[in-house]
Amino acid sequence: MKPLIPALAALALSACQLVEPEEPEPVPVSDDAEAIRAALAGRTLTEVGGSTVLRLTRRGAITGEGVEGRWEMRETQFCRTFTAPESLAGTECLNVVFLNNQLVTFFSITGNNTTWRVS
């Protein structure tokens, strides 16, 4: 009977181990410009962990508090051109990865990557 006690103890301890949930795999659609456009056009983007809210119109405008500009797809990249504020003025093209139906991350070659909630 004594050899059974260590086995039961080991079994009880193994049942208490925490199992880390697997991170969901990102669902990239960066190889399909039309899918990206369809997922973003007419939507509102809210910066995760920030306070910036942007509206992407179906006709290619970007609007938000103090922000103005245009957006378009160039091949498989999301390209945005800000005209205001002056500190953001200019064009940058970004790679896009949808983490799920509600979150999207834009990847910049400068390393300034941001995740947004899509609604």
Protein backbone atom coordinates (compact mmCIF):
# COMPACT_ATOMS: atom_id res chain seq x y z
CA MET A 1 0.00 0.00 0.00
CA LYS A 2 2.89 2.41 0.74
CA PRO A 3 4.14 2.55 -2.92
CA LEU A 4 0.68 3.79 -3.90
CA ILE A 5 0.94 6.94 -1.74
CA PRO A 6 3.78 8.58 -3.77
CA ALA A 7 1.93 7.77 -6.99
CA LEU A 8 -1.27 9.37 -5.69
CA ALA A 9 0.67 12.42 -4.49
CA ALA A 10 2.29 12.82 -7.91
CA LEU A 11 -1.10 12.47 -9.59
CA ALA A 12 -2.63 15.10 -7.29
CA LEU A 13 0.23 17.55 -7.95
CA SER A 14 0.05 17.06 -11.71
CA ALA A 15 -3.66 17.89 -11.61
CA CYS A 16 -2.84 21.22 -9.93
CA GLN A 17 -0.46 22.42 -12.63
CA LEU A 18 -1.67 25.47 -14.46
CA VAL A 19 -2.03 25.08 -18.17
CA GLU A 20 -1.15 28.22 -20.10
CA PRO A 21 -3.81 29.04 -22.70
CA GLU A 22 -2.39 29.13 -26.18
CA GLU A 23 -2.14 32.51 -27.83
CA PRO A 24 -4.46 32.69 -30.81
CA GLU A 25 -2.64 32.74 -34.09
CA PRO A 26 -2.88 36.08 -35.89
CA VAL A 27 -5.03 35.94 -38.99
CA PRO A 28 -3.07 37.89 -41.57
CA VAL A 29 -4.91 39.18 -44.57
CA SER A 30 -1.97 41.23 -45.73
CA ASP A 31 -1.87 39.28 -48.97
CA ASP A 32 -5.39 40.39 -49.93
CA ALA A 33 -5.77 44.16 -50.39
CA GLU A 34 -9.51 43.93 -51.08
CA ALA A 35 -10.11 41.98 -47.87
CA ILE A 36 -8.19 44.60 -45.87
CA ARG A 37 -10.12 47.42 -47.55
CA ALA A 38 -13.46 45.70 -46.91
CA ALA A 39 -12.58 45.11 -43.25
CA LEU A 40 -11.55 48.75 -42.62
CA ALA A 41 -13.68 50.96 -44.89
CA GLY A 42 -16.43 52.77 -43.02
CA ARG A 43 -15.08 51.65 -39.64
CA THR A 44 -13.92 53.37 -36.49
CA LEU A 45 -10.49 52.51 -35.06
CA THR A 46 -9.80 53.01 -31.36
CA GLU A 47 -6.17 52.76 -30.28
CA VAL A 48 -5.67 49.95 -27.76
CA GLY A 49 -4.04 51.40 -24.66
CA GLY A 50 -4.43 54.94 -25.97
CA SER A 51 -7.08 57.57 -26.52
CA THR A 52 -6.91 58.10 -30.30
CA VAL A 53 -10.07 57.38 -32.28
CA LEU A 54 -9.99 57.47 -36.08
CA ARG A 55 -12.77 57.06 -38.62
CA LEU A 56 -11.86 55.53 -41.99
CA THR A 57 -14.48 56.46 -44.57
CA ARG A 58 -15.35 54.32 -47.55
CA ARG A 59 -14.12 57.13 -49.82
CA GLY A 60 -10.66 57.14 -48.29
CA ALA A 61 -10.78 59.94 -45.72
CA ILE A 62 -9.32 59.67 -42.22
CA THR A 63 -10.88 61.84 -39.54
CA GLY A 64 -10.47 62.14 -35.80
CA GLU A 65 -9.98 64.72 -33.10
CA GLY A 66 -7.31 66.99 -34.58
CA VAL A 67 -6.48 64.45 -37.30
CA GLU A 68 -7.16 64.75 -41.02
CA GLY A 69 -5.93 62.75 -43.94
CA ARG A 70 -6.53 60.09 -46.55
CA TRP A 71 -6.03 56.34 -46.75
CA GLU A 72 -5.71 53.84 -49.57
CA MET A 73 -4.45 50.38 -50.32
CA ARG A 74 -1.24 50.16 -52.34
CA GLU A 75 -0.73 46.55 -53.30
CA THR A 76 -0.99 44.82 -49.91
CA GLN A 77 -0.16 47.79 -47.67
CA PHE A 78 -2.42 50.25 -45.89
CA CYS A 79 -1.11 53.70 -46.80
CA ARG A 80 -2.15 56.76 -44.88
CA THR A 81 -1.36 60.39 -45.60
CA PHE A 82 -1.96 62.77 -42.72
CA THR A 83 -2.37 66.48 -43.44
CA ALA A 84 -3.04 67.43 -39.81
CA PRO A 85 -1.61 67.67 -37.27
CA GLU A 86 1.63 68.92 -38.74
CA SER A 87 3.66 66.60 -36.48
CA LEU A 88 2.11 63.58 -38.27
CA ALA A 89 2.01 65.09 -41.77
CA GLY A 90 3.20 62.81 -44.52
CA THR A 91 2.60 59.40 -46.01
CA GLU A 92 3.45 56.04 -44.50
CA CYS A 93 2.55 52.58 -45.77
CA LEU A 94 1.98 49.87 -43.18
CA ASN A 95 1.65 46.11 -43.15
CA VAL A 96 -1.62 44.89 -41.64
CA VAL A 97 -2.38 41.87 -39.46
CA PHE A 98 -5.86 41.15 -38.12
CA LEU A 99 -5.56 39.50 -34.71
CA ASN A 100 -9.27 38.66 -34.79
CA ASN A 101 -12.46 40.28 -36.07
CA GLN A 102 -12.09 43.20 -33.66
CA LEU A 103 -8.34 43.88 -33.42
CA VAL A 104 -5.89 44.94 -36.09
CA THR A 105 -2.19 45.78 -35.83
CA PHE A 106 -0.44 48.10 -38.25
CA PHE A 107 3.29 47.39 -38.62
CA SER A 108 5.59 50.26 -39.57
CA ILE A 109 9.13 49.91 -40.91
CA THR A 110 10.06 52.48 -38.24
CA GLY A 111 9.03 50.01 -35.52
CA ASN A 112 6.08 52.16 -34.43
CA ASN A 113 3.49 49.38 -34.42
CA THR A 114 -0.01 50.03 -33.09
CA THR A 115 -3.01 47.85 -32.34
CA TRP A 116 -6.54 49.16 -32.83
CA ARG A 117 -10.02 47.98 -31.95
CA VAL A 118 -12.23 47.93 -35.07
CA SER A 119 -15.89 48.85 -34.71
